[in-house]
Amino acid sequence: MPDLQFKNNAGEELNLSSLKGKPVLINLWATWCAPCVAELPQLDKLATENPGLKVLTVNQDMDKLDKVAGFLAEKGGPKLEPWLNPDNSLTFQFGAETLPATVYYDAQGREAWRIVGPREWLNAETKALLAEAK
């Protein structure tokens, strides 16, 4: 698991490596990305149904930082935290040329898989992917 930091609107930081020991799903999204926004409620439900899984939604907007928390609460749900990456460094780190992009790390901190583009997060295929990579 890379040593990456995210910030929220309050300026608090989260170090990704501090989450080692539990599975982590990082979803890169933006408010202007319709497929990203469509995934948010499913990601919230995925986080609710899988309490051992940390779902990180990391926003890639460059000009709407003050609106991200409200937007995420309205379009996503209570389990999704508004983490920010306004310089878009994560898209380069993860080699994501399009959004949404999602990377899954298992509990040992190893990257298990990554998906670029929209996904149905509540189907049997996704549940199998998560179960295989625990």
Protein backbone atom coordinates (compact mmCIF):
# COMPACT_ATOMS: atom_id res chain seq x y z
CA MET A 1 0.00 0.00 0.00
CA PRO A 2 1.53 3.31 -1.00
CA ASP A 3 2.18 6.03 1.53
CA LEU A 4 -0.38 8.58 0.32
CA GLN A 5 -2.14 11.36 2.19
CA PHE A 6 -5.63 12.71 1.68
CA LYS A 7 -7.21 15.82 3.17
CA ASN A 8 -10.78 16.74 3.95
CA ASN A 9 -12.41 20.17 3.83
CA ALA A 10 -11.38 20.80 7.45
CA GLY A 11 -7.73 20.23 6.53
CA GLU A 12 -7.47 16.96 8.46
CA GLU A 13 -5.15 14.40 6.89
CA LEU A 14 -5.50 10.66 6.44
CA ASN A 15 -2.42 8.59 5.69
CA LEU A 16 -3.35 5.59 3.57
CA SER A 17 -0.68 3.39 5.14
CA SER A 18 -2.34 3.89 8.55
CA LEU A 19 -5.21 1.72 7.28
CA LYS A 20 -3.03 -1.34 6.74
CA GLY A 21 -4.64 -4.31 8.47
CA LYS A 22 -8.05 -3.86 6.88
CA PRO A 23 -9.21 -4.01 3.27
CA VAL A 24 -9.41 -0.59 1.61
CA LEU A 25 -11.30 0.38 -1.53
CA ILE A 26 -10.22 3.76 -2.95
CA ASN A 27 -12.61 5.34 -5.43
CA LEU A 28 -11.46 8.39 -7.39
CA TRP A 29 -14.41 10.52 -8.50
CA ALA A 30 -15.46 14.06 -9.45
CA THR A 31 -18.69 16.03 -9.20
CA TRP A 32 -18.71 16.62 -12.99
CA CYS A 33 -18.41 12.87 -13.75
CA ALA A 34 -21.91 11.42 -14.21
CA PRO A 35 -20.80 7.74 -13.88
CA CYS A 36 -18.90 8.67 -10.70
CA VAL A 37 -21.95 10.31 -9.16
CA ALA A 38 -24.14 7.34 -10.15
CA GLU A 39 -21.79 5.01 -8.22
CA LEU A 40 -21.83 6.97 -4.96
CA PRO A 41 -25.03 5.49 -3.44
CA GLN A 42 -23.81 1.98 -4.28
CA LEU A 43 -20.44 2.67 -2.66
CA ASP A 44 -22.23 3.95 0.43
CA LYS A 45 -24.30 0.76 0.59
CA LEU A 46 -21.18 -1.35 -0.01
CA ALA A 47 -19.52 0.36 2.98
CA THR A 48 -22.65 -0.17 5.10
CA GLU A 49 -22.95 -3.87 4.22
CA ASN A 50 -19.21 -4.54 4.72
CA PRO A 51 -18.20 -2.98 8.04
CA GLY A 52 -14.66 -4.41 7.85
CA LEU A 53 -14.06 -2.68 4.51
CA LYS A 54 -12.85 0.92 4.44
CA VAL A 55 -14.35 2.71 1.44
CA LEU A 56 -12.49 5.92 0.61
CA THR A 57 -14.08 8.26 -1.90
CA VAL A 58 -11.36 10.69 -2.99
CA ASN A 59 -12.57 13.68 -4.98
CA GLN A 60 -10.54 14.88 -7.97
CA ASP A 61 -12.27 18.25 -8.53
CA MET A 62 -9.89 21.16 -8.79
CA ASP A 63 -12.26 24.08 -8.30
CA LYS A 64 -15.10 22.96 -6.00
CA LEU A 65 -13.35 21.93 -2.81
CA ASP A 66 -15.72 23.82 -0.54
CA LYS A 67 -18.74 22.07 -2.09
CA VAL A 68 -17.51 18.46 -2.04
CA ALA A 69 -18.73 17.51 1.45
CA GLY A 70 -22.28 18.73 0.82
CA PHE A 71 -22.38 17.21 -2.64
CA LEU A 72 -21.19 13.84 -1.32
CA ALA A 73 -23.69 13.86 1.55
CA GLU A 74 -26.54 14.64 -0.86
CA LYS A 75 -25.60 12.28 -3.70
CA GLY A 76 -23.74 9.52 -1.81
CA GLY A 77 -24.71 8.78 1.73
CA PRO A 78 -23.60 8.86 5.37
CA LYS A 79 -20.82 6.26 5.13
CA LEU A 80 -18.81 8.18 2.52
CA GLU A 81 -16.24 10.67 3.78
CA PRO A 82 -15.25 13.67 1.62
CA TRP A 83 -11.52 13.17 1.01
CA LEU A 84 -9.83 15.50 -1.47
CA ASN A 85 -7.04 15.28 -4.04
CA PRO A 86 -7.29 18.63 -5.86
CA ASP A 87 -3.94 18.30 -7.64
CA ASN A 88 -5.11 15.01 -9.21
CA SER A 89 -1.87 13.29 -8.22
CA LEU A 90 -3.75 10.07 -7.48
CA THR A 91 -4.95 9.72 -11.04
CA PHE A 92 -1.30 9.66 -12.07
CA GLN A 93 -0.27 7.43 -9.15
CA PHE A 94 -2.93 4.87 -10.11
CA GLY A 95 -2.52 5.28 -13.88
CA ALA A 96 -6.17 6.25 -14.25
CA GLU A 97 -6.81 8.04 -17.50
CA THR A 98 -10.53 8.32 -16.83
CA LEU A 99 -12.92 8.49 -13.88
CA PRO A 100 -14.24 6.77 -11.93
CA ALA A 101 -11.21 4.70 -11.00
CA THR A 102 -11.08 2.28 -8.10
CA VAL A 103 -8.20 0.45 -6.44
CA TYR A 104 -8.65 -2.31 -3.86
CA TYR A 105 -6.02 -3.19 -1.26
CA ASP A 106 -6.36 -6.35 0.80
CA ALA A 107 -5.85 -6.42 4.58
CA GLN A 108 -2.11 -7.02 4.09
CA GLY A 109 -1.83 -3.79 2.11
CA ARG A 110 -1.33 -5.47 -1.27
CA GLU A 111 -3.11 -4.16 -4.33
CA ALA A 112 -5.57 -6.90 -5.30
CA TRP A 113 -7.24 -5.24 -8.29
CA ARG A 114 -8.14 -1.96 -9.95
CA ILE A 115 -11.03 -0.94 -12.14
CA VAL A 116 -11.11 2.09 -14.43
CA GLY A 117 -14.59 3.14 -15.45
CA PRO A 118 -18.02 2.67 -13.92
CA ARG A 119 -18.98 -0.50 -12.07
CA GLU A 120 -22.04 -2.10 -10.52
CA TRP A 121 -20.85 -2.32 -6.90
CA LEU A 122 -23.67 -4.42 -5.45
CA ASN A 123 -23.73 -7.36 -7.85
CA ALA A 124 -22.53 -10.94 -7.29
CA GLU A 125 -19.39 -10.42 -9.39
CA THR A 126 -18.21 -7.57 -7.16
CA LYS A 127 -19.00 -9.55 -4.01
CA ALA A 128 -16.88 -12.41 -5.38
CA LEU A 129 -13.99 -10.04 -6.17
CA LEU A 130 -14.09 -8.67 -2.61
CA ALA A 131 -14.31 -12.15 -1.08
CA GLU A 132 -11.36 -13.47 -3.13
CA ALA A 133 -9.07 -10.63 -2.12
CA LYS A 134 -9.60 -10.52 1.66
